[in-house]
Amino acid sequence: MRVWKLLGLAGILAGVATGAAVARDERVRRHYEPAEIRRRLHARHDEAVAREANGTTTVGEA
């Protein structure tokens, strides 16, 4: 019975460690500089204005 408890605890700890590693990777991946965010937002805005000027819409818009 004790072996099963240790295996269960090891499984839980492995799950926690995996979750922590995934969360850390996600934070690193999503780290953008303010200038990069600003550039991306301006590009998205310009694309939206161009689409509106052309009279086209994307999926989900009416």
N, C-alpha and C. Protein backbone atom coordinates (compact mmCIF):
# COMPACT_ATOMS: atom_id res chain seq x y z
N MET A 1 0.83 -1.19 0.00
CA MET A 1 0.00 0.00 0.00
C MET A 1 0.87 1.25 0.00
N ARG A 2 1.98 1.23 0.71
CA ARG A 2 2.86 2.38 0.80
C ARG A 2 3.47 2.72 -0.57
N VAL A 3 3.75 1.69 -1.37
CA VAL A 3 4.33 1.90 -2.70
C VAL A 3 3.36 2.69 -3.56
N TRP A 4 2.07 2.37 -3.48
CA TRP A 4 1.06 3.06 -4.27
C TRP A 4 0.95 4.52 -3.86
N LYS A 5 1.08 4.79 -2.59
CA LYS A 5 1.05 6.18 -2.12
C LYS A 5 2.24 6.96 -2.67
N LEU A 6 3.42 6.33 -2.65
CA LEU A 6 4.60 7.00 -3.18
C LEU A 6 4.49 7.23 -4.69
N LEU A 7 3.95 6.26 -5.40
CA LEU A 7 3.75 6.43 -6.85
C LEU A 7 2.75 7.55 -7.13
N GLY A 8 1.70 7.61 -6.35
CA GLY A 8 0.72 8.66 -6.51
C GLY A 8 1.31 10.03 -6.25
N LEU A 9 2.09 10.13 -5.17
CA LEU A 9 2.75 11.39 -4.84
C LEU A 9 3.74 11.79 -5.94
N ALA A 10 4.47 10.82 -6.47
CA ALA A 10 5.41 11.10 -7.55
C ALA A 10 4.67 11.60 -8.79
N GLY A 11 3.52 11.02 -9.07
CA GLY A 11 2.72 11.46 -10.21
C GLY A 11 2.21 12.88 -10.05
N ILE A 12 1.76 13.19 -8.84
CA ILE A 12 1.28 14.55 -8.57
C ILE A 12 2.41 15.56 -8.71
N LEU A 13 3.57 15.22 -8.14
CA LEU A 13 4.72 16.12 -8.25
C LEU A 13 5.16 16.31 -9.70
N ALA A 14 5.10 15.26 -10.48
CA ALA A 14 5.46 15.37 -11.90
C ALA A 14 4.48 16.29 -12.62
N GLY A 15 3.21 16.17 -12.30
CA GLY A 15 2.20 17.05 -12.90
C GLY A 15 2.42 18.50 -12.54
N VAL A 16 2.73 18.76 -11.28
CA VAL A 16 3.00 20.13 -10.84
C VAL A 16 4.24 20.69 -11.53
N ALA A 17 5.28 19.89 -11.62
CA ALA A 17 6.52 20.35 -12.26
C ALA A 17 6.28 20.64 -13.74
N THR A 18 5.50 19.81 -14.41
CA THR A 18 5.20 20.03 -15.82
C THR A 18 4.39 21.30 -15.99
N GLY A 19 3.40 21.51 -15.13
CA GLY A 19 2.60 22.74 -15.20
C GLY A 19 3.44 23.98 -14.98
N ALA A 20 4.38 23.92 -14.05
CA ALA A 20 5.24 25.07 -13.80
C ALA A 20 6.13 25.36 -15.01
N ALA A 21 6.64 24.31 -15.63
CA ALA A 21 7.51 24.50 -16.80
C ALA A 21 6.71 25.09 -17.96
N VAL A 22 5.50 24.62 -18.16
CA VAL A 22 4.66 25.15 -19.24
C VAL A 22 4.32 26.61 -18.97
N ALA A 23 3.98 26.95 -17.74
CA ALA A 23 3.64 28.33 -17.40
C ALA A 23 4.84 29.24 -17.61
N ARG A 24 6.02 28.80 -17.22
CA ARG A 24 7.22 29.61 -17.40
C ARG A 24 7.50 29.83 -18.89
N ASP A 25 7.37 28.78 -19.68
CA ASP A 25 7.59 28.89 -21.12
C ASP A 25 6.59 29.86 -21.74
N GLU A 26 5.36 29.82 -21.31
CA GLU A 26 4.32 30.70 -21.84
C GLU A 26 4.63 32.16 -21.50
N ARG A 27 5.10 32.41 -20.29
CA ARG A 27 5.45 33.79 -19.90
C ARG A 27 6.60 34.30 -20.76
N VAL A 28 7.59 33.47 -21.01
CA VAL A 28 8.73 33.87 -21.82
C VAL A 28 8.29 34.12 -23.26
N ARG A 29 7.44 33.26 -23.77
CA ARG A 29 6.99 33.37 -25.15
C ARG A 29 6.16 34.63 -25.37
N ARG A 30 5.36 35.01 -24.38
CA ARG A 30 4.47 36.16 -24.53
C ARG A 30 5.11 37.48 -24.11
N HIS A 31 6.36 37.48 -23.76
CA HIS A 31 7.02 38.71 -23.33
C HIS A 31 7.37 39.54 -24.56
N TYR A 32 6.66 40.65 -24.73
CA TYR A 32 6.91 41.56 -25.82
C TYR A 32 7.35 42.91 -25.27
N GLU A 33 8.19 43.57 -26.00
CA GLU A 33 8.59 44.93 -25.65
C GLU A 33 7.44 45.87 -26.00
N PRO A 34 7.30 46.98 -25.29
CA PRO A 34 6.23 47.94 -25.59
C PRO A 34 6.24 48.41 -27.04
N ALA A 35 7.41 48.62 -27.60
CA ALA A 35 7.49 49.06 -29.00
C ALA A 35 6.95 47.99 -29.94
N GLU A 36 7.20 46.71 -29.62
CA GLU A 36 6.69 45.62 -30.45
C GLU A 36 5.17 45.56 -30.38
N ILE A 37 4.61 45.73 -29.21
CA ILE A 37 3.15 45.72 -29.06
C ILE A 37 2.55 46.88 -29.85
N ARG A 38 3.13 48.06 -29.71
CA ARG A 38 2.65 49.23 -30.42
C ARG A 38 2.70 49.01 -31.93
N ARG A 39 3.81 48.44 -32.42
CA ARG A 39 3.95 48.18 -33.85
C ARG A 39 2.89 47.20 -34.35
N ARG A 40 2.65 46.15 -33.57
CA ARG A 40 1.66 45.15 -33.97
C ARG A 40 0.25 45.74 -33.97
N LEU A 41 -0.07 46.55 -32.97
CA LEU A 41 -1.39 47.18 -32.92
C LEU A 41 -1.60 48.13 -34.09
N HIS A 42 -0.58 48.91 -34.43
CA HIS A 42 -0.69 49.81 -35.57
C HIS A 42 -0.88 49.02 -36.86
N ALA A 43 -0.17 47.93 -37.01
CA ALA A 43 -0.31 47.10 -38.22
C ALA A 43 -1.71 46.51 -38.31
N ARG A 44 -2.24 46.02 -37.17
CA ARG A 44 -3.61 45.47 -37.19
C ARG A 44 -4.62 46.55 -37.52
N HIS A 45 -4.42 47.74 -36.99
CA HIS A 45 -5.34 48.84 -37.27
C HIS A 45 -5.30 49.20 -38.74
N ASP A 46 -4.11 49.31 -39.30
CA ASP A 46 -3.97 49.63 -40.71
C ASP A 46 -4.65 48.59 -41.59
N GLU A 47 -4.51 47.32 -41.23
CA GLU A 47 -5.17 46.25 -41.99
C GLU A 47 -6.69 46.37 -41.90
N ALA A 48 -7.19 46.69 -40.71
CA ALA A 48 -8.64 46.83 -40.53
C ALA A 48 -9.18 48.00 -41.34
N VAL A 49 -8.46 49.10 -41.34
CA VAL A 49 -8.89 50.27 -42.11
C VAL A 49 -8.88 49.94 -43.60
N ALA A 50 -7.86 49.23 -44.06
CA ALA A 50 -7.78 48.86 -45.47
C ALA A 50 -8.93 47.92 -45.86
N ARG A 51 -9.24 46.97 -44.98
CA ARG A 51 -10.36 46.06 -45.26
C ARG A 51 -11.68 46.83 -45.34
N GLU A 52 -11.86 47.77 -44.42
CA GLU A 52 -13.09 48.55 -44.41
C GLU A 52 -13.19 49.41 -45.66
N ALA A 53 -12.09 49.97 -46.10
CA ALA A 53 -12.08 50.80 -47.31
C ALA A 53 -12.41 49.97 -48.55
N ASN A 54 -11.98 48.71 -48.54
CA ASN A 54 -12.26 47.82 -49.67
C ASN A 54 -13.65 47.20 -49.60
N GLY A 55 -14.31 47.37 -48.48
CA GLY A 55 -15.64 46.81 -48.32
C GLY A 55 -15.67 45.33 -48.02
N THR A 56 -14.55 44.76 -47.60
CA THR A 56 -14.52 43.35 -47.26
C THR A 56 -14.65 43.18 -45.77
N THR A 57 -15.18 42.04 -45.37
CA THR A 57 -15.32 41.72 -43.95
C THR A 57 -14.67 40.39 -43.68
N THR A 58 -14.39 40.12 -42.41
CA THR A 58 -13.82 38.84 -42.03
C THR A 58 -14.92 37.95 -41.48
N VAL A 59 -14.60 36.70 -41.24
CA VAL A 59 -15.56 35.76 -40.68
C VAL A 59 -16.03 36.27 -39.32
N GLY A 60 -17.33 36.25 -39.12
CA GLY A 60 -17.88 36.68 -37.83
C GLY A 60 -18.38 38.11 -37.86
N GLU A 61 -18.04 38.84 -38.90
CA GLU A 61 -18.55 40.21 -39.01
C GLU A 61 -19.70 40.22 -39.99
N ALA A 62 -20.63 41.12 -39.78
CA ALA A 62 -21.80 41.19 -40.65
C ALA A 62 -21.74 42.40 -41.53
